[in-house]
């Protein structure tokens, strides 16, 4: 498997240009308590990730998982 150095450099540059934004996003994700069990706040974190993806032009569909009885 060969590594495309040009692609790696482009990705590195993209990350460097958005470092503060990415750190803020990771901090927001870490703040959401998704402890398992019982699997808290999955709807909260799913909506947060969906919002970020949509702001990048990616179409998102959120599916609701029925609660266990």
Protein backbone atom coordinates (compact mmCIF):
# COMPACT_ATOMS: atom_id res chain seq x y z
CA UNK A 1 0.00 0.00 0.00
CA UNK A 2 1.55 3.27 -1.06
CA UNK A 3 0.95 6.58 0.68
CA UNK A 4 -0.05 9.54 -1.44
CA UNK A 5 2.25 12.18 0.09
CA UNK A 6 0.51 15.00 -1.78
CA UNK A 7 -2.85 14.00 -0.31
CA UNK A 8 -1.34 13.68 3.17
CA UNK A 9 0.14 17.17 2.85
CA UNK A 10 -3.22 18.60 1.72
CA UNK A 11 -5.00 17.00 4.68
CA UNK A 12 -2.33 18.28 7.08
CA UNK A 13 -2.70 21.78 5.68
CA UNK A 14 -6.51 21.63 5.93
CA UNK A 15 -6.27 20.53 9.58
CA UNK A 16 -3.68 23.21 10.41
CA UNK A 17 -5.90 25.91 8.89
CA UNK A 18 -8.86 24.78 11.03
CA UNK A 19 -7.07 23.70 14.20
CA UNK A 20 -8.96 26.01 16.61
CA UNK A 21 -12.32 25.21 15.04
CA UNK A 22 -11.62 21.46 15.26
CA UNK A 23 -10.50 21.71 18.90
CA UNK A 24 -13.73 23.56 19.78
CA UNK A 25 -15.78 20.86 18.03
CA UNK A 26 -13.97 18.04 19.83
CA UNK A 27 -14.49 19.85 23.16
CA UNK A 28 -18.23 20.18 22.47
CA UNK A 29 -18.40 16.47 21.60
CA UNK A 30 -16.53 15.46 24.75
CA UNK A 31 -18.87 17.58 26.91
CA UNK A 32 -21.89 15.46 25.92
CA UNK A 33 -22.38 12.63 28.40
CA UNK A 34 -22.95 9.48 26.35
CA UNK A 35 -22.17 7.06 29.18
CA UNK A 36 -23.21 3.48 28.67
CA UNK A 37 -25.18 1.91 30.02
CA UNK A 38 -27.79 3.35 29.49
CA UNK A 39 -26.46 5.28 26.48
CA UNK A 40 -27.33 8.81 27.45
CA UNK A 41 -27.77 11.75 25.09
CA UNK A 42 -27.23 9.99 21.79
CA UNK A 43 -29.85 12.27 20.27
CA UNK A 44 -27.91 15.31 21.50
CA UNK A 45 -24.59 14.19 20.07
CA UNK A 46 -26.21 12.97 16.82
CA UNK A 47 -27.79 16.40 16.31
CA UNK A 48 -24.49 18.14 17.05
CA UNK A 49 -22.62 16.00 14.51
CA UNK A 50 -25.45 16.38 11.98
CA UNK A 51 -25.30 20.18 12.29
CA UNK A 52 -21.56 20.16 11.64
CA UNK A 53 -21.91 17.87 8.62
CA UNK A 54 -24.78 19.90 7.19
CA UNK A 55 -22.77 23.11 7.54
CA UNK A 56 -20.17 21.42 5.32
CA UNK A 57 -22.80 20.64 2.69
CA UNK A 58 -23.27 16.98 3.60
CA UNK A 59 -26.84 15.68 3.58
CA UNK A 60 -27.81 14.09 6.89
CA UNK A 61 -30.72 11.89 7.94
CA UNK A 62 -31.28 11.35 11.65
CA UNK A 63 -33.07 8.17 12.65
CA UNK A 64 -34.79 7.78 16.00
CA UNK A 65 -34.05 4.62 17.92
CA UNK A 66 -37.09 3.37 19.83
CA UNK A 67 -36.75 3.19 23.61
CA UNK A 68 -36.57 -0.27 25.16
CA UNK A 69 -39.52 -1.27 27.28
